[in-house]
Amino acid sequence: MDPDDDAPKKPESKQLGASDVSSIFDLKNELLKRKSEVAQRGSGAVGTGDYAKIGKAGGILTVKADEKTRLRAETDERKRRIAEHEAAMRAEDEATRAKQQKIMREKSELYEKLQNGEVAFTHNDNTPVEFMVEFHLKKKELDEKQDREFGPCYDEWEGEDDRPRTSRAPAPRKPVQPQRYNPGEDQRVYGVSHINLSQDEAKRQAKIKELYELSEATNKAREKKAQMLKKEREKRDERKAALRKRLGLPPEEKEPSPPPAPEPTYLDIPLPINETVEETYAKKLKSDRAWDRGKGTYNAWIERQREEREDEFAPPSSYHRR
């Protein structure tokens, strides 16, 4: 009897195919899923998936009753604060809207009174405010201007819509040329200061008087603006001095005003020298260029060069100089 026959035989290794491997992985996944379900059931988990609360009763992760009450109170407090802030913001928006509506209503009433002549605006010195704009009339003028400019275009477009369509191509239209400069519309032909006065003596004098009044009003406005600027500079200097005093700094030294310019003495200005025509011409011919020194006049230099030239380099005798 052969001793090799009595020895236990080793099991032959089984070769796994692709389908067997996938089946094994499926079984392993199923096993892990069953283990997780058993663990959740044993630990007192509530729910499944991401929303499961894992933790045994009395464990570390268990939420106690007082903690639940505190969390609920914090949530209610947060909601209450959000509601209060929303109510405050809503009340502020309503107050701002009401204020704006009140201002617009007052402006509208004031404009109606101004239009009817019931009130008049004045400056701080009780001078009337001039050159105000009447917006109703301005809007009407703008609408009339648009009607004059674009009205024919609108009529033409509407006519094109009503025109019957034919297979024949429309005749080419002459392009509209842009409006050129019209000298008749320019009121200032002779400059800014020119004013075309009337031939009637009464209207002429009235216009001149109006111009003098406007000039006087302009001078008053300039003086008024200069006084306002002076007061603003004084207030700024006072604020600066108070700030330096509060900071313990020495007062700022004022720059000395420049001395007045001396009046020119016209007697010291030399009178122009009366030069003769020959002196003026000689001064014009004088040249300070280095390559022109010693030449004198151009013709004299040419004559001198011709005299110094050798005969073999002279032009033929048939050449006549003009």
Protein backbone atom coordinates (compact mmCIF):
# COMPACT_ATOMS: atom_id res chain seq x y z
CA MET A 1 0.00 0.00 0.00
CA ASP A 2 1.41 3.30 -1.04
CA PRO A 3 1.83 5.75 1.89
CA ASP A 4 0.98 8.61 -0.38
CA ASP A 5 -2.54 7.30 -0.67
CA ASP A 6 -3.16 7.60 3.11
CA ALA A 7 -2.03 11.29 3.32
CA PRO A 8 -4.89 13.84 3.26
CA LYS A 9 -5.30 15.43 -0.08
CA LYS A 10 -5.13 19.23 -0.32
CA PRO A 11 -8.20 20.89 -1.78
CA GLU A 12 -7.63 22.12 -5.23
CA SER A 13 -7.63 25.95 -5.59
CA LYS A 14 -10.68 27.19 -7.42
CA GLN A 15 -10.22 29.76 -10.13
CA LEU A 16 -12.69 32.65 -9.77
CA GLY A 17 -14.19 34.30 -12.78
CA ALA A 18 -15.40 37.85 -13.25
CA SER A 19 -18.99 36.93 -12.49
CA ASP A 20 -18.01 35.14 -9.27
CA VAL A 21 -16.02 38.17 -8.02
CA SER A 22 -18.95 40.49 -8.54
CA SER A 23 -21.23 38.10 -6.67
CA ILE A 24 -18.81 38.01 -3.73
CA PHE A 25 -18.74 41.83 -3.55
CA ASP A 26 -22.52 41.94 -3.63
CA LEU A 27 -22.69 39.50 -0.74
CA LYS A 28 -20.14 41.52 1.24
CA ASN A 29 -22.12 44.74 0.70
CA GLU A 30 -25.29 43.04 1.81
CA LEU A 31 -23.52 41.73 4.93
CA LEU A 32 -22.22 45.20 5.85
CA LYS A 33 -25.67 46.68 5.35
CA ARG A 34 -27.25 44.09 7.64
CA LYS A 35 -24.58 44.73 10.30
CA SER A 36 -25.21 48.49 10.20
CA GLU A 37 -28.98 47.96 10.55
CA VAL A 38 -28.44 45.68 13.55
CA ALA A 39 -26.06 48.25 15.13
CA GLN A 40 -28.59 51.05 14.66
CA ARG A 41 -31.38 48.96 16.15
CA GLY A 42 -29.25 48.05 19.15
CA SER A 43 -28.03 51.64 19.82
CA GLY A 44 -31.50 53.17 19.75
CA ALA A 45 -31.03 55.11 16.50
CA VAL A 46 -34.01 56.97 15.22
CA GLY A 47 -34.47 57.41 11.49
CA THR A 48 -32.27 56.29 8.64
CA GLY A 49 -29.61 57.78 6.46
CA ASP A 50 -28.14 61.22 7.15
CA TYR A 51 -30.98 62.16 9.51
CA ALA A 52 -30.43 59.24 11.96
CA LYS A 53 -29.69 60.29 15.55
CA ILE A 54 -27.23 57.71 16.84
CA GLY A 55 -26.96 57.36 20.60
CA LYS A 56 -28.27 55.16 23.38
CA ALA A 57 -30.58 56.38 26.03
CA GLY A 58 -28.47 58.06 28.69
CA GLY A 59 -25.41 58.14 26.42
CA ILE A 60 -23.10 61.03 25.65
CA LEU A 61 -24.94 62.07 22.48
CA THR A 62 -28.37 62.04 24.07
CA VAL A 63 -30.07 65.48 24.25
CA LYS A 64 -31.47 66.04 27.73
CA ALA A 65 -34.79 67.68 28.49
CA ASP A 66 -33.32 70.89 29.96
CA GLU A 67 -31.01 71.22 26.96
CA LYS A 68 -33.96 70.79 24.62
CA THR A 69 -35.77 73.52 26.50
CA ARG A 70 -32.76 75.82 26.27
CA LEU A 71 -32.37 75.21 22.52
CA ARG A 72 -36.07 75.86 21.98
CA ALA A 73 -35.85 79.08 24.00
CA GLU A 74 -32.83 80.24 21.96
CA THR A 75 -34.68 79.54 18.72
CA ASP A 76 -37.73 81.47 19.91
CA GLU A 77 -35.53 84.38 21.04
CA ARG A 78 -33.78 84.47 17.67
CA LYS A 79 -37.10 84.49 15.83
CA ARG A 80 -38.37 87.27 18.09
CA ARG A 81 -35.28 89.43 17.41
CA ILE A 82 -35.61 88.86 13.67
CA ALA A 83 -39.27 89.91 13.81
CA GLU A 84 -38.39 93.04 15.83
CA HIS A 85 -35.68 94.05 13.35
CA GLU A 86 -38.00 93.49 10.41
CA ALA A 87 -40.70 95.59 12.06
CA ALA A 88 -38.18 98.38 12.83
CA MET A 89 -36.87 98.38 9.25
CA ARG A 90 -40.41 98.39 7.88
CA ALA A 91 -41.36 101.30 10.15
CA GLU A 92 -38.23 103.23 9.11
CA ASP A 93 -39.02 102.68 5.42
CA GLU A 94 -42.59 103.84 5.95
CA ALA A 95 -41.39 106.96 7.81
CA THR A 96 -38.89 107.78 5.04
CA ARG A 97 -41.54 107.28 2.36
CA ALA A 98 -44.04 109.45 4.23
CA LYS A 99 -41.41 112.18 4.67
CA GLN A 100 -40.55 112.15 0.97
CA GLN A 101 -44.22 112.27 0.01
CA LYS A 102 -44.73 115.23 2.35
CA ILE A 103 -41.75 117.09 0.85
CA MET A 104 -42.97 116.44 -2.70
CA ARG A 105 -46.49 117.60 -1.75
CA GLU A 106 -45.11 120.82 -0.23
CA LYS A 107 -42.97 121.44 -3.32
CA SER A 108 -45.97 120.92 -5.59
CA GLU A 109 -48.10 123.35 -3.56
CA LEU A 110 -45.29 125.91 -3.48
CA TYR A 111 -44.78 125.63 -7.24
CA GLU A 112 -48.49 126.18 -7.84
CA LYS A 113 -48.38 129.30 -5.63
CA LEU A 114 -45.32 130.56 -7.49
CA GLN A 115 -47.04 129.95 -10.80
CA ASN A 116 -50.12 131.88 -9.65
CA GLY A 117 -47.97 134.72 -8.26
CA GLU A 118 -49.09 134.27 -4.66
CA VAL A 119 -45.53 134.06 -3.25
CA ALA A 120 -42.11 135.32 -4.37
CA PHE A 121 -38.62 134.09 -3.54
CA THR A 122 -36.07 136.52 -2.09
CA HIS A 123 -32.44 136.29 -1.03
CA ASN A 124 -31.20 136.96 2.50
CA ASP A 125 -30.86 140.65 1.66
CA ASN A 126 -34.51 140.77 0.46
CA THR A 127 -33.51 140.98 -3.20
CA PRO A 128 -35.89 139.10 -5.52
CA VAL A 129 -34.76 135.89 -7.17
CA GLU A 130 -34.69 136.28 -10.94
CA PHE A 131 -34.43 133.97 -13.94
CA MET A 132 -36.57 131.16 -12.55
CA VAL A 133 -37.76 128.33 -14.80
CA GLU A 134 -41.43 127.61 -15.47
CA PHE A 135 -41.35 123.86 -15.97
CA HIS A 136 -44.85 123.50 -17.44
CA LEU A 137 -44.08 126.00 -20.17
CA LYS A 138 -40.63 124.48 -20.72
CA LYS A 139 -42.13 121.00 -21.12
CA LYS A 140 -44.69 122.37 -23.56
CA GLU A 141 -41.99 124.08 -25.61
CA LEU A 142 -39.93 120.87 -25.70
CA ASP A 143 -42.95 118.88 -26.91
CA GLU A 144 -43.70 121.44 -29.62
CA LYS A 145 -40.06 121.39 -30.73
CA GLN A 146 -40.10 117.59 -31.00
CA ASP A 147 -43.34 117.76 -32.99
CA ARG A 148 -41.79 120.26 -35.41
CA GLU A 149 -38.62 118.21 -35.85
CA PHE A 150 -39.93 114.65 -35.89
CA GLY A 151 -43.61 115.12 -36.80
CA PRO A 152 -43.08 114.82 -40.58
CA CYS A 153 -41.00 111.69 -40.02
CA TYR A 154 -43.81 110.09 -38.01
CA ASP A 155 -46.38 110.97 -40.68
CA GLU A 156 -44.13 109.54 -43.37
CA TRP A 157 -43.64 106.29 -41.45
CA GLU A 158 -47.38 105.94 -40.91
CA GLY A 159 -47.94 106.56 -44.63
CA GLU A 160 -45.50 103.80 -45.48
CA ASP A 161 -47.50 101.36 -43.36
CA ASP A 162 -50.76 102.25 -45.17
CA ARG A 163 -49.18 102.19 -48.63
CA PRO A 164 -50.10 99.08 -50.70
CA ARG A 165 -47.24 96.69 -51.28
CA THR A 166 -46.23 95.98 -54.89
CA SER A 167 -43.54 93.89 -56.49
CA ARG A 168 -42.01 97.00 -58.00
CA ALA A 169 -39.13 98.38 -56.00
CA PRO A 170 -39.72 101.91 -54.68
CA ALA A 171 -37.83 104.72 -56.30
CA PRO A 172 -34.72 105.78 -54.43
CA ARG A 173 -35.33 108.82 -52.31
CA LYS A 174 -33.12 111.82 -52.19
CA PRO A 175 -31.13 111.72 -48.96
CA VAL A 176 -32.07 114.37 -46.47
CA GLN A 177 -29.23 116.83 -46.14
CA PRO A 178 -28.32 118.05 -42.67
CA GLN A 179 -29.31 121.57 -41.80
CA ARG A 180 -26.40 123.88 -42.37
CA TYR A 181 -25.46 127.03 -40.53
CA ASN A 182 -28.14 129.67 -40.83
CA PRO A 183 -26.66 133.13 -40.30
CA GLY A 184 -30.12 134.59 -39.76
CA GLU A 185 -30.48 132.69 -36.49
CA ASP A 186 -27.23 134.01 -35.03
CA GLN A 187 -28.02 137.07 -32.95
CA ARG A 188 -24.41 137.90 -32.10
CA VAL A 189 -23.03 138.61 -35.53
CA TYR A 190 -20.58 141.28 -34.40
CA GLY A 191 -19.38 139.65 -31.20
CA VAL A 192 -20.59 139.00 -27.69
CA SER A 193 -20.91 142.66 -26.67
CA HIS A 194 -22.89 143.69 -29.74
CA ILE A 195 -26.61 144.30 -29.31
CA ASN A 196 -28.92 145.21 -32.14
CA LEU A 197 -30.81 148.24 -30.81
CA SER A 198 -34.07 149.47 -32.23
CA GLN A 199 -34.29 152.50 -34.51
CA ASP A 200 -37.10 153.92 -32.39
CA GLU A 201 -35.62 156.37 -29.88
CA ALA A 202 -37.98 155.41 -27.03
CA LYS A 203 -37.32 151.67 -27.42
CA ARG A 204 -33.64 152.38 -27.83
CA GLN A 205 -33.42 154.35 -24.58
CA ALA A 206 -35.50 151.71 -22.75
CA LYS A 207 -33.13 148.98 -23.95
CA ILE A 208 -30.08 151.00 -22.92
CA LYS A 209 -31.62 151.61 -19.49
CA GLU A 210 -32.29 147.88 -19.11
CA LEU A 211 -28.68 147.11 -20.01
CA TYR A 212 -27.41 149.57 -17.41
CA GLU A 213 -29.69 148.00 -14.78
CA LEU A 214 -28.42 144.52 -15.64
CA SER A 215 -24.83 145.72 -15.43
CA GLU A 216 -25.50 147.29 -12.03
CA ALA A 217 -27.17 144.08 -10.82
CA THR A 218 -24.14 142.10 -11.99
CA ASN A 219 -21.79 144.37 -10.05
CA LYS A 220 -23.94 144.04 -6.93
CA ALA A 221 -23.94 140.25 -7.27
CA ARG A 222 -20.15 140.25 -7.58
CA GLU A 223 -19.76 142.41 -4.46
CA LYS A 224 -22.19 140.17 -2.59
CA LYS A 225 -20.25 137.06 -3.56
CA ALA A 226 -16.97 138.69 -2.52
CA GLN A 227 -18.45 139.53 0.91
CA MET A 228 -19.69 135.93 1.33
CA LEU A 229 -16.25 134.55 0.48
CA LYS A 230 -14.65 136.95 2.95
CA LYS A 231 -17.02 135.84 5.74
CA GLU A 232 -16.33 132.18 4.96
CA ARG A 233 -12.57 132.79 5.17
CA GLU A 234 -12.99 134.56 8.53
CA LYS A 235 -15.09 131.67 9.91
CA ARG A 236 -12.51 129.15 8.69
CA ASP A 237 -9.71 131.10 10.36
CA GLU A 238 -11.70 131.23 13.62
CA ARG A 239 -12.28 127.45 13.57
CA LYS A 240 -8.60 126.86 12.84
CA ALA A 241 -7.54 129.15 15.71
CA ALA A 242 -9.93 127.40 18.14
CA LEU A 243 -8.59 124.00 17.08
CA ARG A 244 -4.96 125.10 17.57
CA LYS A 245 -5.84 126.52 20.99
CA ARG A 246 -7.53 123.26 22.02
CA LEU A 247 -4.48 121.26 20.89
CA GLY A 248 -2.11 123.60 22.74
CA LEU A 249 -0.41 124.89 19.60
CA PRO A 250 0.77 128.48 19.24
CA PRO A 251 -1.43 130.78 17.18
CA GLU A 252 -0.72 130.74 13.49
CA GLU A 253 1.24 133.70 12.24
CA LYS A 254 -0.63 135.66 9.66
CA GLU A 255 1.18 136.38 6.46
CA PRO A 256 1.84 140.08 6.05
CA SER A 257 -0.24 141.64 3.36
CA PRO A 258 1.84 142.62 0.36
CA PRO A 259 2.55 146.33 0.09
CA PRO A 260 0.55 148.20 -2.49
CA ALA A 261 2.19 148.40 -5.86
CA PRO A 262 3.71 151.82 -6.52
CA GLU A 263 2.02 153.87 -9.12
CA PRO A 264 4.02 153.91 -12.34
CA THR A 265 5.67 157.17 -13.24
CA TYR A 266 5.09 157.56 -16.92
CA LEU A 267 7.70 160.33 -17.19
CA ASP A 268 10.50 157.77 -16.59
CA ILE A 269 9.47 155.69 -19.59
CA PRO A 270 11.80 156.54 -22.50
CA LEU A 271 10.17 157.73 -25.65
CA PRO A 272 10.70 155.76 -28.86
CA ILE A 273 13.64 156.90 -30.98
CA ASN A 274 12.74 158.37 -34.31
CA GLU A 275 14.81 156.40 -36.80
CA THR A 276 15.28 157.22 -40.41
CA VAL A 277 14.43 154.80 -43.17
CA GLU A 278 18.12 154.11 -43.84
CA GLU A 279 18.80 153.26 -40.18
CA THR A 280 15.81 150.94 -40.02
CA TYR A 281 16.91 149.16 -43.23
CA ALA A 282 20.50 148.83 -41.98
CA LYS A 283 19.26 147.36 -38.69
CA LYS A 284 17.22 144.76 -40.57
CA LEU A 285 20.22 143.77 -42.70
CA LYS A 286 22.45 143.35 -39.68
CA SER A 287 23.11 139.70 -38.87
CA ASP A 288 24.71 138.13 -35.80
CA ARG A 289 25.33 134.69 -37.32
CA ALA A 290 28.97 133.52 -37.28
CA TRP A 291 28.96 132.46 -40.94
CA ASP A 292 27.48 135.81 -42.04
CA ARG A 293 30.00 138.05 -40.32
CA GLY A 294 32.10 140.05 -42.76
CA LYS A 295 29.76 139.47 -45.67
CA GLY A 296 27.86 142.71 -45.52
CA THR A 297 24.99 142.66 -47.92
CA TYR A 298 24.37 139.61 -50.06
CA ASN A 299 24.94 141.36 -53.38
CA ALA A 300 28.24 142.90 -52.22
CA TRP A 301 29.47 139.48 -51.14
CA ILE A 302 28.54 138.00 -54.53
CA GLU A 303 30.38 140.75 -56.39
CA ARG A 304 33.46 140.23 -54.26
CA GLN A 305 33.41 136.50 -54.91
CA ARG A 306 33.16 137.10 -58.66
CA GLU A 307 36.14 139.45 -58.58
CA GLU A 308 38.24 136.90 -56.68
CA ARG A 309 37.27 134.10 -59.07
CA GLU A 310 39.82 132.98 -61.67
CA ASP A 311 39.02 133.50 -65.34
CA GLU A 312 39.11 129.83 -66.22
CA PHE A 313 36.16 129.24 -63.90
CA ALA A 314 34.15 132.18 -65.24
CA PRO A 315 31.00 131.51 -67.30
CA PRO A 316 31.14 132.00 -71.11
CA SER A 317 30.86 135.49 -72.54
CA SER A 318 27.48 134.62 -74.06
CA TYR A 319 26.08 134.33 -70.54
CA HIS A 320 24.34 137.56 -69.60
CA ARG A 321 23.47 138.29 -66.05
CA ARG A 322 20.19 139.89 -65.41
